[in-house]
Amino acid sequence: MDPLFKKAIAQGVAGMAVFVAFIFLPAGTWQYWQGWLFIAVFATSTIGFTVYLALHDRPLLERRMNAGPQHEKEWPQKIIVSLIILAFFIFIILPSLDYRFGVSPVPAYLSFVGNVVIVLSFLFIFWVLKVNSYAAANISVADDQKVIDSGPYAYVRHPMYAGALWLFIGMPLALGSWLTLCLVPLILPVLVWRLLDEEKILRRDLPGYNEYASQVRHRLIPYVW
């Protein structure tokens, strides 16, 4: 088997094992159907990404696998990525505890809506990756990197973070927790911090980015900011 694909599969299996542990141990039961559906949707989406990139854009697959604070060069980004990872785990553990103790259950149909939001978020992120082969998981500028101004980049400068924000909105609904959904606004400052710090690096190191930023004025939400 191809070493890169083998590594991607190993990371994926390990990730799903972590999901199972952090969802069902706090829930205290295997009967948490929202957890199973969420894992199925998340696993299917990530497997689809991995297979597509392995077949069509191997350099990008390698860039996407270099994720985590240890792969960031700047200390602010190491802190930001650590906070995002912490938030992600809170967003899967807290709904499981909510399910266990019945604090703020979400109607079943909204759990399905949440999974639809997750799928749409992944499709949007896939669009970003398809357009931008330099969309690494860490903030870096490749020697041959060029400014991308097509696809979602024609509307906002940081579409990946827009997709991530919708993912964080969909997760609490999919896992059935109003309480966790109320924490979504706390994610926004962290994403804004990351993209603003990233812009400093891109303006400094990526030729043509300043001109692109003057043409596409909105960072995260079209016609808003």
Protein backbone atom coordinates (compact mmCIF):
# COMPACT_ATOMS: atom_id res chain seq x y z
CA MET A 1 0.00 0.00 0.00
CA ASP A 2 1.13 3.55 -0.73
CA PRO A 3 2.91 4.94 2.39
CA LEU A 4 1.10 8.30 2.31
CA PHE A 5 -2.32 6.66 1.92
CA LYS A 6 -1.42 4.14 4.63
CA LYS A 7 -0.50 6.99 6.98
CA ALA A 8 -3.76 8.78 6.18
CA ILE A 9 -5.76 5.63 6.92
CA ALA A 10 -3.90 5.12 10.21
CA GLN A 11 -4.63 8.71 11.26
CA GLY A 12 -8.27 8.30 10.27
CA VAL A 13 -8.73 5.07 12.23
CA ALA A 14 -7.04 6.60 15.27
CA GLY A 15 -9.27 9.65 14.97
CA MET A 16 -12.44 7.56 14.83
CA ALA A 17 -11.29 5.56 17.87
CA VAL A 18 -10.83 8.83 19.77
CA PHE A 19 -14.30 9.94 18.64
CA VAL A 20 -15.88 6.74 19.94
CA ALA A 21 -14.11 7.08 23.30
CA PHE A 22 -14.85 10.79 23.80
CA ILE A 23 -18.48 10.47 22.73
CA PHE A 24 -19.69 7.23 24.29
CA LEU A 25 -17.74 7.18 27.56
CA PRO A 26 -19.20 10.52 28.70
CA ALA A 27 -22.63 9.47 27.39
CA GLY A 28 -22.46 6.33 29.53
CA THR A 29 -24.23 4.21 26.92
CA TRP A 30 -23.86 2.76 23.44
CA GLN A 31 -27.50 3.69 22.72
CA TYR A 32 -26.61 7.31 21.93
CA TRP A 33 -27.87 7.24 18.33
CA GLN A 34 -26.94 10.88 17.70
CA GLY A 35 -23.33 9.95 18.43
CA TRP A 36 -23.35 7.05 15.97
CA LEU A 37 -24.94 9.15 13.24
CA PHE A 38 -22.44 11.97 13.80
CA ILE A 39 -19.50 9.54 13.59
CA ALA A 40 -20.91 7.99 10.40
CA VAL A 41 -21.32 11.40 8.75
CA PHE A 42 -17.92 12.65 9.89
CA ALA A 43 -16.12 9.44 8.90
CA THR A 44 -17.77 9.30 5.48
CA SER A 45 -16.84 12.92 4.79
CA THR A 46 -13.22 12.59 5.85
CA ILE A 47 -12.77 9.29 3.99
CA GLY A 48 -14.15 10.95 0.86
CA PHE A 49 -11.65 13.81 1.27
CA THR A 50 -8.76 11.42 1.78
CA VAL A 51 -9.55 9.22 -1.21
CA TYR A 52 -10.05 12.22 -3.52
CA LEU A 53 -6.82 13.90 -2.46
CA ALA A 54 -4.87 10.64 -2.64
CA LEU A 55 -6.01 10.21 -6.24
CA HIS A 56 -5.94 13.81 -7.46
CA ASP A 57 -3.77 16.02 -5.20
CA ARG A 58 -1.21 14.10 -3.16
CA PRO A 59 0.84 17.20 -2.18
CA LEU A 60 -2.28 18.74 -0.66
CA LEU A 61 -3.07 15.52 1.22
CA GLU A 62 0.39 15.67 2.74
CA ARG A 63 -0.10 19.32 3.66
CA ARG A 64 -3.47 18.55 5.27
CA MET A 65 -1.95 15.74 7.35
CA ASN A 66 0.61 18.09 8.91
CA ALA A 67 -1.94 19.38 11.40
CA GLY A 68 -1.56 20.39 15.02
CA PRO A 69 0.33 23.04 17.02
CA GLN A 70 3.65 21.22 16.52
CA HIS A 71 3.47 22.02 12.80
CA GLU A 72 2.94 25.77 13.29
CA LYS A 73 5.98 28.04 13.04
CA GLU A 74 4.59 31.07 14.88
CA TRP A 75 3.84 30.91 18.62
CA PRO A 76 0.48 32.71 18.35
CA GLN A 77 -0.65 30.03 15.89
CA LYS A 78 0.55 27.24 18.19
CA ILE A 79 -1.68 28.70 20.91
CA ILE A 80 -4.62 29.26 18.55
CA VAL A 81 -4.50 25.73 17.13
CA SER A 82 -4.33 24.30 20.65
CA LEU A 83 -7.43 26.30 21.57
CA ILE A 84 -9.28 25.10 18.45
CA ILE A 85 -8.44 21.46 19.24
CA LEU A 86 -9.59 21.97 22.83
CA ALA A 87 -12.84 23.54 21.59
CA PHE A 88 -13.41 20.64 19.20
CA PHE A 89 -13.15 18.10 22.01
CA ILE A 90 -15.41 20.19 24.24
CA PHE A 91 -17.92 20.22 21.39
CA ILE A 92 -18.06 16.41 21.36
CA ILE A 93 -17.71 15.70 25.10
CA LEU A 94 -20.23 18.26 26.41
CA PRO A 95 -23.12 17.06 24.18
CA SER A 96 -22.43 13.51 25.35
CA LEU A 97 -22.67 14.59 28.98
CA ASP A 98 -25.78 16.59 28.08
CA TYR A 99 -27.32 13.43 26.62
CA ARG A 100 -26.40 11.43 29.72
CA PHE A 101 -27.98 13.86 32.17
CA GLY A 102 -30.72 15.23 29.91
CA VAL A 103 -29.85 18.88 30.51
CA SER A 104 -30.83 20.47 27.18
CA PRO A 105 -31.88 17.85 24.60
CA VAL A 106 -32.48 18.88 21.01
CA PRO A 107 -35.49 17.50 19.07
CA ALA A 108 -34.56 14.54 16.88
CA TYR A 109 -35.32 16.37 13.64
CA LEU A 110 -32.82 19.10 14.57
CA SER A 111 -30.15 16.45 15.04
CA PHE A 112 -30.74 15.45 11.43
CA VAL A 113 -30.59 19.13 10.44
CA GLY A 114 -27.26 19.40 12.28
CA ASN A 115 -25.85 16.51 10.28
CA VAL A 116 -27.01 18.17 7.06
CA VAL A 117 -25.16 21.32 8.15
CA ILE A 118 -22.04 19.22 8.78
CA VAL A 119 -22.26 17.63 5.32
CA LEU A 120 -22.72 21.05 3.69
CA SER A 121 -19.76 22.38 5.68
CA PHE A 122 -17.58 19.53 4.43
CA LEU A 123 -18.75 20.08 0.86
CA PHE A 124 -17.87 23.76 1.15
CA ILE A 125 -14.44 22.90 2.58
CA PHE A 126 -13.99 20.40 -0.26
CA TRP A 127 -14.68 23.25 -2.71
CA VAL A 128 -11.97 25.28 -0.97
CA LEU A 129 -9.48 22.42 -1.22
CA LYS A 130 -10.35 21.75 -4.85
CA VAL A 131 -9.64 25.37 -5.75
CA ASN A 132 -6.61 25.89 -3.52
CA SER A 133 -3.94 23.18 -3.56
CA TYR A 134 -1.94 25.22 -1.04
CA ALA A 135 -4.61 25.07 1.69
CA ALA A 136 -2.35 23.46 4.27
CA ALA A 137 -3.51 22.59 7.77
CA ASN A 138 -0.76 24.82 9.15
CA ILE A 139 0.02 28.40 8.19
CA SER A 140 2.93 28.46 5.76
CA VAL A 141 3.77 29.86 2.34
CA ALA A 142 5.27 27.49 -0.24
CA ASP A 143 8.02 28.69 -2.57
CA ASP A 144 5.82 28.34 -5.66
CA GLN A 145 2.56 29.39 -3.98
CA LYS A 146 0.27 31.79 -5.83
CA VAL A 147 -2.69 33.86 -4.70
CA ILE A 148 -6.03 32.12 -5.31
CA ASP A 149 -8.85 34.47 -6.23
CA SER A 150 -11.38 32.08 -7.79
CA GLY A 151 -14.14 29.90 -6.35
CA PRO A 152 -14.99 30.81 -2.74
CA TYR A 153 -11.90 33.03 -2.61
CA ALA A 154 -13.68 35.43 -4.95
CA TYR A 155 -16.13 36.21 -2.13
CA VAL A 156 -14.13 35.99 1.10
CA ARG A 157 -10.42 35.80 1.83
CA HIS A 158 -10.69 32.96 4.35
CA PRO A 159 -13.41 30.55 3.18
CA MET A 160 -11.86 27.60 5.05
CA TYR A 161 -12.66 29.28 8.36
CA ALA A 162 -16.18 30.05 7.19
CA GLY A 163 -16.66 26.33 6.59
CA ALA A 164 -15.14 25.51 9.98
CA LEU A 165 -17.54 27.92 11.69
CA TRP A 166 -20.55 26.16 10.16
CA LEU A 167 -19.05 22.83 11.22
CA PHE A 168 -18.98 24.06 14.82
CA ILE A 169 -22.61 25.15 14.46
CA GLY A 170 -23.69 21.78 13.08
CA MET A 171 -21.92 19.63 15.68
CA PRO A 172 -23.99 20.57 18.77
CA LEU A 173 -27.23 20.15 16.83
CA ALA A 174 -26.13 16.80 15.40
CA LEU A 175 -25.12 15.57 18.86
CA GLY A 176 -28.30 16.96 20.42
CA SER A 177 -27.23 19.72 22.82
CA TRP A 178 -28.66 23.24 23.08
CA LEU A 179 -26.11 23.98 25.81
CA THR A 180 -23.16 23.32 23.50
CA LEU A 181 -24.76 25.33 20.70
CA CYS A 182 -24.71 28.34 23.05
CA LEU A 183 -20.90 28.08 23.13
CA VAL A 184 -20.52 28.69 19.38
CA PRO A 185 -20.01 32.47 19.81
CA LEU A 186 -16.91 31.68 21.88
CA ILE A 187 -15.35 30.01 18.82
CA LEU A 188 -15.62 33.11 16.66
CA PRO A 189 -12.91 35.19 18.43
CA VAL A 190 -10.45 32.29 18.13
CA LEU A 191 -11.12 31.91 14.39
CA VAL A 192 -10.84 35.68 13.91
CA TRP A 193 -7.55 35.70 15.83
CA ARG A 194 -6.21 32.93 13.61
CA LEU A 195 -7.19 34.51 10.31
CA LEU A 196 -5.94 37.98 11.29
CA ASP A 197 -2.59 36.55 12.34
CA GLU A 198 -2.52 34.47 9.15
CA GLU A 199 -3.14 37.60 7.09
CA LYS A 200 -0.04 39.21 8.57
CA ILE A 201 2.02 36.25 7.34
CA LEU A 202 0.38 36.20 3.91
CA ARG A 203 0.83 39.96 3.43
CA ARG A 204 4.48 39.57 4.36
CA ASP A 205 5.39 36.37 2.50
CA LEU A 206 2.92 35.79 -0.35
CA PRO A 207 3.49 37.97 -3.44
CA GLY A 208 0.28 39.55 -4.71
CA TYR A 209 -1.71 39.01 -1.52
CA ASN A 210 -1.96 42.72 -0.70
CA GLU A 211 -3.48 43.40 -4.12
CA TYR A 212 -5.90 40.49 -3.66
CA ALA A 213 -6.92 41.80 -0.22
CA SER A 214 -7.71 45.19 -1.74
CA GLN A 215 -10.00 43.53 -4.31
CA VAL A 216 -11.75 41.01 -2.02
CA ARG A 217 -12.54 43.13 1.00
CA HIS A 218 -14.45 40.67 3.18
CA ARG A 219 -12.58 38.12 5.27
CA LEU A 220 -15.15 35.65 6.60
CA ILE A 221 -18.74 36.61 5.74
CA PRO A 222 -19.63 38.16 2.35
CA TYR A 223 -20.83 41.77 2.58
CA VAL A 224 -20.45 41.71 6.39
CA TRP A 225 -16.78 41.29 7.42
